[in-house]
């Protein structure tokens, strides 16, 4: 039989016993696990695209992974909705199949109608939690057969995701929303950290960072969990350019505001702005930014090593010695654009 798992596709037939299939057509399977059990209709082949890769990372970090259901919980309703919508699109699970639960900050049930309208579930069970600062929403699809298939799908998808850098980046961004955080030191960005309990997943995350950024993250064990931290100005510039933590506006703004407060960033932004529209020599940059030419020269040397600026030697008016003219690379232009947008 032809192997349906290839490239960025996974065939559902490869995840189940063939005698579970009741019927099928060109695109879908009708499945039931003998002798008795729930019946589900599911697409034959699932393609792993960027949004699904993000959802799988989010699910591994925040999901309910048990034999009788799949679920996801978070305080950000938009993230819950994003996961629910992708599972509906890819696997055909209707809105009404989900059950929703809310750990509420209020004793009243005023928000239930709002959550029902957004999630389109039949009902939402709400319970008051004293001391909670924000509602926590959980959705579950209670189906033993789908839970079995989906969790096996997640396992097989990791190798496919690892082979594609675009998918791998989205997977990390989904995972870090659940188990990642931004490290600050005196208000400025020091690094990002991901916490993981499973050693196999820790190894996958470590090699993922190495593949994407050609640098091994720091690793330590604390309170029975692994902590993976990513620090240093070069990796953090790449983290910003790849828009880590942009799944929520609050975390994204926190990342950029902390990045701006770094001494390196604060001192260099003014030079980048001076170079926005043209290449300039050190003395001209110094005049525009009201800084000494020694400070500018030192900054340009550092930025050249980081591939944020390029240097070209020019002879002025066809005579005299060479002058070093500096201009921004596309990488630096994108970085400056991100910083200015958030500011």
Protein backbone atom coordinates (compact mmCIF):
# COMPACT_ATOMS: atom_id res chain seq x y z
CA UNK A 1 0.00 0.00 0.00
CA UNK A 2 1.21 3.53 -0.78
CA UNK A 3 2.65 5.34 2.26
CA UNK A 4 0.38 8.31 2.93
CA UNK A 5 2.84 9.93 5.31
CA UNK A 6 5.21 12.07 3.24
CA UNK A 7 6.55 15.62 2.99
CA UNK A 8 4.14 17.66 5.13
CA UNK A 9 1.21 15.22 5.00
CA UNK A 10 0.14 12.48 7.39
CA UNK A 11 -2.31 9.78 6.35
CA UNK A 12 -4.84 8.88 9.05
CA UNK A 13 -4.84 5.25 7.84
CA UNK A 14 -1.25 5.00 9.12
CA UNK A 15 -2.40 5.87 12.65
CA UNK A 16 -5.12 3.25 13.08
CA UNK A 17 -5.87 -0.43 12.54
CA UNK A 18 -7.40 -1.02 9.12
CA UNK A 19 -10.33 -2.98 10.60
CA UNK A 20 -11.50 0.20 12.35
CA UNK A 21 -12.59 1.67 9.01
CA UNK A 22 -16.34 1.29 8.50
CA UNK A 23 -16.49 3.10 5.17
CA UNK A 24 -14.58 5.60 3.10
CA UNK A 25 -14.74 7.79 0.06
CA UNK A 26 -12.17 9.80 -1.87
CA UNK A 27 -11.41 12.26 0.95
CA UNK A 28 -12.76 10.92 4.26
CA UNK A 29 -12.84 7.89 6.55
CA UNK A 30 -15.64 6.74 8.82
CA UNK A 31 -14.02 5.03 11.79
CA UNK A 32 -15.09 3.09 14.88
CA UNK A 33 -12.88 1.14 17.25
CA UNK A 34 -14.35 -2.36 17.83
CA UNK A 35 -16.32 -3.81 19.47
CA UNK A 36 -18.32 -0.73 20.46
CA UNK A 37 -17.35 2.89 20.58
CA UNK A 38 -17.84 6.33 19.12
CA UNK A 39 -17.95 6.80 15.37
CA UNK A 40 -16.08 9.68 13.78
CA UNK A 41 -15.68 10.97 10.24
CA UNK A 42 -12.22 12.35 9.56
CA UNK A 43 -10.21 13.42 6.48
CA UNK A 44 -7.93 10.74 5.02
CA UNK A 45 -4.90 13.02 4.82
CA UNK A 46 -3.94 15.98 7.01
CA UNK A 47 -1.45 18.53 5.72
CA UNK A 48 0.75 20.20 8.33
CA UNK A 49 0.89 23.92 7.61
CA UNK A 50 2.20 26.76 9.72
CA UNK A 51 -0.98 27.40 11.70
CA UNK A 52 -1.40 23.71 12.52
CA UNK A 53 2.28 23.53 13.58
CA UNK A 54 1.63 26.45 15.94
CA UNK A 55 -1.46 24.67 17.33
CA UNK A 56 0.46 21.44 17.91
CA UNK A 57 3.13 23.30 19.88
CA UNK A 58 0.42 25.05 21.87
CA UNK A 59 -1.32 21.73 22.52
CA UNK A 60 1.84 19.97 23.74
CA UNK A 61 2.47 22.85 26.17
CA UNK A 62 -1.08 23.60 27.34
CA UNK A 63 -3.18 20.63 26.27
CA UNK A 64 -5.09 17.93 28.10
CA UNK A 65 -3.56 14.72 26.75
CA UNK A 66 -5.55 11.80 28.16
CA UNK A 67 -7.14 8.68 26.71
CA UNK A 68 -10.74 9.93 26.70
CA UNK A 69 -10.43 13.50 25.35
CA UNK A 70 -8.28 16.26 23.99
CA UNK A 71 -8.43 19.73 25.46
CA UNK A 72 -6.68 23.06 25.75
CA UNK A 73 -6.75 25.76 28.42
CA UNK A 74 -5.45 29.31 28.61
CA UNK A 75 -6.37 32.76 29.86
CA UNK A 76 -6.29 34.19 26.32
CA UNK A 77 -9.61 33.45 24.62
CA UNK A 78 -8.18 34.34 21.19
CA UNK A 79 -5.63 31.50 21.49
CA UNK A 80 -8.31 28.99 22.50
CA UNK A 81 -10.40 30.10 19.52
CA UNK A 82 -7.43 29.80 17.18
CA UNK A 83 -6.82 26.20 18.28
CA UNK A 84 -10.51 25.28 18.04
CA UNK A 85 -10.83 26.79 14.56
CA UNK A 86 -7.77 24.94 13.23
CA UNK A 87 -8.98 21.57 14.58
CA UNK A 88 -12.34 22.20 12.93
CA UNK A 89 -10.71 23.12 9.62
CA UNK A 90 -8.18 20.26 9.51
CA UNK A 91 -9.99 17.42 11.29
CA UNK A 92 -13.65 18.35 10.79
CA UNK A 93 -14.56 18.64 14.50
CA UNK A 94 -17.63 20.85 14.71
CA UNK A 95 -17.96 23.69 17.23
CA UNK A 96 -20.86 21.97 18.99
CA UNK A 97 -18.70 18.91 19.76
CA UNK A 98 -16.60 20.89 22.25
CA UNK A 99 -17.37 21.38 25.93
CA UNK A 100 -16.16 24.57 27.57
CA UNK A 101 -15.24 25.27 31.19
CA UNK A 102 -14.39 28.59 32.78
CA UNK A 103 -12.50 29.29 36.01
CA UNK A 104 -14.00 32.70 36.53
CA UNK A 105 -12.93 35.83 38.39
CA UNK A 106 -16.62 36.62 39.04
CA UNK A 107 -19.26 34.89 41.11
CA UNK A 108 -21.93 35.75 38.53
CA UNK A 109 -22.41 34.04 35.17
CA UNK A 110 -22.54 37.22 33.10
CA UNK A 111 -19.74 36.14 30.75
CA UNK A 112 -21.16 32.74 29.83
CA UNK A 113 -23.23 34.04 26.90
CA UNK A 114 -20.19 35.88 25.61
CA UNK A 115 -18.06 32.72 25.69
CA UNK A 116 -20.82 30.67 24.02
CA UNK A 117 -21.06 33.23 21.21
CA UNK A 118 -17.30 33.18 20.64
CA UNK A 119 -16.66 29.44 20.99
CA UNK A 120 -20.07 28.40 19.55
CA UNK A 121 -20.38 25.56 22.06
CA UNK A 122 -23.73 24.40 23.43
CA UNK A 123 -22.91 25.57 26.94
CA UNK A 124 -20.11 26.79 29.19
CA UNK A 125 -19.70 25.61 32.77
CA UNK A 126 -18.38 28.34 35.01
CA UNK A 127 -16.87 28.15 38.49
CA UNK A 128 -15.67 31.03 40.64
CA UNK A 129 -12.01 30.95 41.73
CA UNK A 130 -11.06 33.33 44.51
CA UNK A 131 -7.88 35.25 43.82
CA UNK A 132 -7.92 34.68 40.05
CA UNK A 133 -6.96 37.83 38.13
CA UNK A 134 -8.17 36.60 34.74
CA UNK A 135 -10.64 34.02 33.50
CA UNK A 136 -9.12 30.68 32.47
CA UNK A 137 -10.94 28.97 29.61
CA UNK A 138 -10.72 25.27 28.82
CA UNK A 139 -12.32 23.44 25.90
CA UNK A 140 -12.51 19.67 25.56
CA UNK A 141 -13.61 17.23 22.90
CA UNK A 142 -14.64 14.08 24.77
CA UNK A 143 -14.05 11.27 22.30
CA UNK A 144 -11.75 8.34 23.06
CA UNK A 145 -11.19 7.43 19.41
CA UNK A 146 -10.30 10.94 18.30
CA UNK A 147 -8.04 11.39 21.34
CA UNK A 148 -6.14 8.24 20.37
CA UNK A 149 -5.79 9.33 16.73
CA UNK A 150 -4.91 12.96 17.51
CA UNK A 151 -2.25 12.16 20.09
CA UNK A 152 -0.61 9.70 17.71
CA UNK A 153 -0.82 12.33 14.97
CA UNK A 154 1.02 14.79 17.24
CA UNK A 155 3.84 12.29 17.82
CA UNK A 156 4.32 11.57 14.12
CA UNK A 157 4.12 15.23 13.16
CA UNK A 158 7.26 16.22 15.11
CA UNK A 159 9.69 14.73 12.60
CA UNK A 160 7.88 16.42 9.71
CA UNK A 161 7.89 19.74 11.53
CA UNK A 162 11.59 19.44 12.32
CA UNK A 163 12.47 19.09 8.63
CA UNK A 164 10.88 22.44 7.72
CA UNK A 165 12.27 25.60 9.38
CA UNK A 166 9.07 27.54 8.78
CA UNK A 167 6.97 24.89 10.50
CA UNK A 168 9.55 24.50 13.26
CA UNK A 169 9.51 28.21 14.07
CA UNK A 170 5.70 28.22 14.31
CA UNK A 171 5.78 25.12 16.53
CA UNK A 172 8.20 26.87 18.92
CA UNK A 173 6.06 30.00 18.96
CA UNK A 174 3.01 27.93 19.88
CA UNK A 175 4.89 25.99 22.55
CA UNK A 176 6.41 29.06 24.21
CA UNK A 177 2.98 30.68 24.62
CA UNK A 178 2.16 27.87 27.02
CA UNK A 179 5.48 27.10 28.70
CA UNK A 180 7.74 29.98 27.70
CA UNK A 181 8.53 33.28 29.39
CA UNK A 182 10.58 36.43 28.88
CA UNK A 183 13.53 36.97 31.25
CA UNK A 184 14.24 40.50 32.40
CA UNK A 185 17.22 41.87 34.29
CA UNK A 186 16.72 45.38 35.69
CA UNK A 187 13.92 45.91 33.18
CA UNK A 188 15.87 44.99 30.06
CA UNK A 189 15.71 41.82 28.01
CA UNK A 190 18.10 39.12 29.17
CA UNK A 191 16.67 36.16 27.27
CA UNK A 192 13.75 33.78 26.82
CA UNK A 193 13.20 30.56 28.75
CA UNK A 194 11.08 27.46 28.13
CA UNK A 195 10.14 25.00 30.87
CA UNK A 196 9.51 21.35 29.99
CA UNK A 197 9.10 18.22 32.11
CA UNK A 198 9.49 15.55 29.45
CA UNK A 199 13.10 14.76 28.55
CA UNK A 200 12.23 13.69 25.00
CA UNK A 201 10.48 17.01 24.35
CA UNK A 202 13.39 18.85 25.97
CA UNK A 203 15.77 17.21 23.50
CA UNK A 204 13.47 18.11 20.60
CA UNK A 205 13.33 21.76 21.68
CA UNK A 206 17.11 21.91 22.14
CA UNK A 207 17.85 20.61 18.65
CA UNK A 208 15.11 22.89 17.25
CA UNK A 209 16.85 26.01 18.57
CA UNK A 210 20.17 24.73 17.23
CA UNK A 211 18.68 24.14 13.77
CA UNK A 212 17.00 27.54 13.62
CA UNK A 213 19.74 29.70 15.15
CA UNK A 214 22.91 27.60 15.01
CA UNK A 215 23.42 28.05 18.75
CA UNK A 216 22.85 25.62 21.61
CA UNK A 217 20.60 27.02 24.37
CA UNK A 218 21.57 26.83 28.02
CA UNK A 219 20.02 23.97 29.97
CA UNK A 220 19.44 23.27 33.65
CA UNK A 221 17.18 21.17 35.88
CA UNK A 222 15.08 22.95 38.50
CA UNK A 223 12.19 21.64 40.62
CA UNK A 224 11.90 18.46 38.56
CA UNK A 225 11.70 20.29 35.22
CA UNK A 226 14.14 21.26 32.50
CA UNK A 227 14.74 24.92 31.78
CA UNK A 228 15.97 25.89 28.33
CA UNK A 229 17.20 29.49 28.10
CA UNK A 230 18.27 31.45 25.05
CA UNK A 231 20.42 34.54 25.69
CA UNK A 232 22.96 36.82 24.01
CA UNK A 233 22.54 39.83 21.74
CA UNK A 234 22.85 37.93 18.44
CA UNK A 235 20.27 35.22 19.32
CA UNK A 236 17.91 37.82 20.82
CA UNK A 237 18.02 39.93 17.65
CA UNK A 238 16.97 36.79 15.75
CA UNK A 239 14.24 36.12 18.32
CA UNK A 240 12.82 39.60 17.72
CA UNK A 241 13.13 39.33 13.92
CA UNK A 242 11.31 35.97 13.99
CA UNK A 243 8.58 37.57 16.13
CA UNK A 244 8.60 35.14 19.03
CA UNK A 245 5.74 35.73 21.50
CA UNK A 246 3.72 37.68 18.91
CA UNK A 247 0.72 35.38 19.42
CA UNK A 248 -0.47 37.74 22.15
CA UNK A 249 -0.17 41.52 22.02
CA UNK A 250 0.76 41.73 25.70
CA UNK A 251 3.76 39.36 25.44
CA UNK A 252 4.91 40.80 22.12
CA UNK A 253 4.95 44.34 23.50
CA UNK A 254 6.77 43.13 26.59
CA UNK A 255 9.45 41.45 24.48
CA UNK A 256 10.08 44.52 22.33
CA UNK A 257 9.94 47.06 25.17
CA UNK A 258 12.50 44.99 27.12
CA UNK A 259 14.64 44.68 23.99
CA UNK A 260 14.59 48.45 23.49
CA UNK A 261 15.76 48.96 27.08
CA UNK A 262 18.91 46.92 26.48
CA UNK A 263 21.94 49.19 26.57
CA UNK A 264 23.04 47.91 23.16
CA UNK A 265 19.68 48.70 21.55
CA UNK A 266 19.22 52.09 23.22
CA UNK A 267 22.60 53.34 22.06
CA UNK A 268 22.36 51.98 18.51
CA UNK A 269 18.78 52.91 17.51
CA UNK A 270 19.76 56.55 17.01
CA UNK A 271 22.47 55.52 14.54
CA UNK A 272 20.12 53.22 12.64
CA UNK A 273 17.62 56.05 12.24
CA UNK A 274 20.35 58.32 10.84
CA UNK A 275 21.13 55.66 8.22
CA UNK A 276 17.51 54.99 7.22
CA UNK A 277 17.58 56.82 3.90
CA UNK A 278 21.23 56.89 2.83
CA UNK A 279 24.73 55.63 3.53
CA UNK A 280 26.87 57.97 5.59
CA UNK A 281 30.43 58.25 6.92
CA UNK A 282 31.16 58.23 10.64
CA UNK A 283 31.51 62.01 11.00
CA UNK A 284 28.12 62.69 9.39
CA UNK A 285 26.43 60.10 11.62
CA UNK A 286 28.10 61.72 14.65
CA UNK A 287 26.78 65.17 13.70
CA UNK A 288 23.23 63.92 13.11
CA UNK A 289 23.09 62.02 16.42
CA UNK A 290 25.12 64.49 18.50
CA UNK A 291 27.59 61.79 19.50
CA UNK A 292 31.37 61.57 19.29
CA UNK A 293 32.88 59.99 16.20
CA UNK A 294 34.64 57.48 18.47
CA UNK A 295 31.28 56.27 19.85
CA UNK A 296 29.83 56.03 16.34
CA UNK A 297 32.88 54.20 14.99
CA UNK A 298 32.69 51.65 17.83
CA UNK A 299 28.95 51.11 17.24
CA UNK A 300 29.40 50.68 13.48
CA UNK A 301 32.16 48.11 14.02
CA UNK A 302 29.88 46.08 16.31
CA UNK A 303 26.92 46.35 13.95
CA UNK A 304 29.06 45.28 11.01
CA UNK A 305 30.03 42.09 12.88
CA UNK A 306 26.33 41.48 13.60
CA UNK A 307 25.50 42.04 9.91
CA UNK A 308 23.19 44.91 10.75
CA UNK A 309 25.17 47.41 8.69
CA UNK A 310 27.51 47.15 5.72
CA UNK A 311 30.60 49.23 5.09
CA UNK A 312 31.79 50.51 1.72
CA UNK A 313 34.94 52.52 1.02
CA UNK A 314 34.40 55.64 -1.08
CA UNK A 315 36.69 58.37 -2.37
CA UNK A 316 35.09 61.82 -2.09
CA UNK A 317 35.28 64.08 -5.17
CA UNK A 318 37.70 61.69 -6.81
CA UNK A 319 40.60 62.52 -4.54
CA UNK A 320 41.91 62.02 -1.02
CA UNK A 321 41.87 58.87 1.04
CA UNK A 322 39.07 56.34 1.34
CA UNK A 323 36.13 57.09 3.63
CA UNK A 324 34.09 54.33 5.27
CA UNK A 325 30.41 54.72 4.37
CA UNK A 326 27.87 52.73 6.36
CA UNK A 327 24.37 51.63 5.36
CA UNK A 328 21.68 49.46 6.92
CA UNK A 329 21.17 45.86 5.85
CA UNK A 330 17.66 44.53 5.20
CA UNK A 331 17.97 42.69 8.51
CA UNK A 332 18.53 45.94 10.41
CA UNK A 333 15.76 47.75 8.51
CA UNK A 334 13.31 45.04 9.55
CA UNK A 335 14.54 45.20 13.15
CA UNK A 336 14.12 48.98 13.24
CA UNK A 337 10.66 48.68 11.69
CA UNK A 338 9.57 46.22 14.41
CA UNK A 339 10.95 48.42 17.19
CA UNK A 340 9.28 51.56 15.81
CA UNK A 341 5.92 49.78 15.33
CA UNK A 342 5.77 48.69 18.95
CA UNK A 343 7.03 52.00 20.28
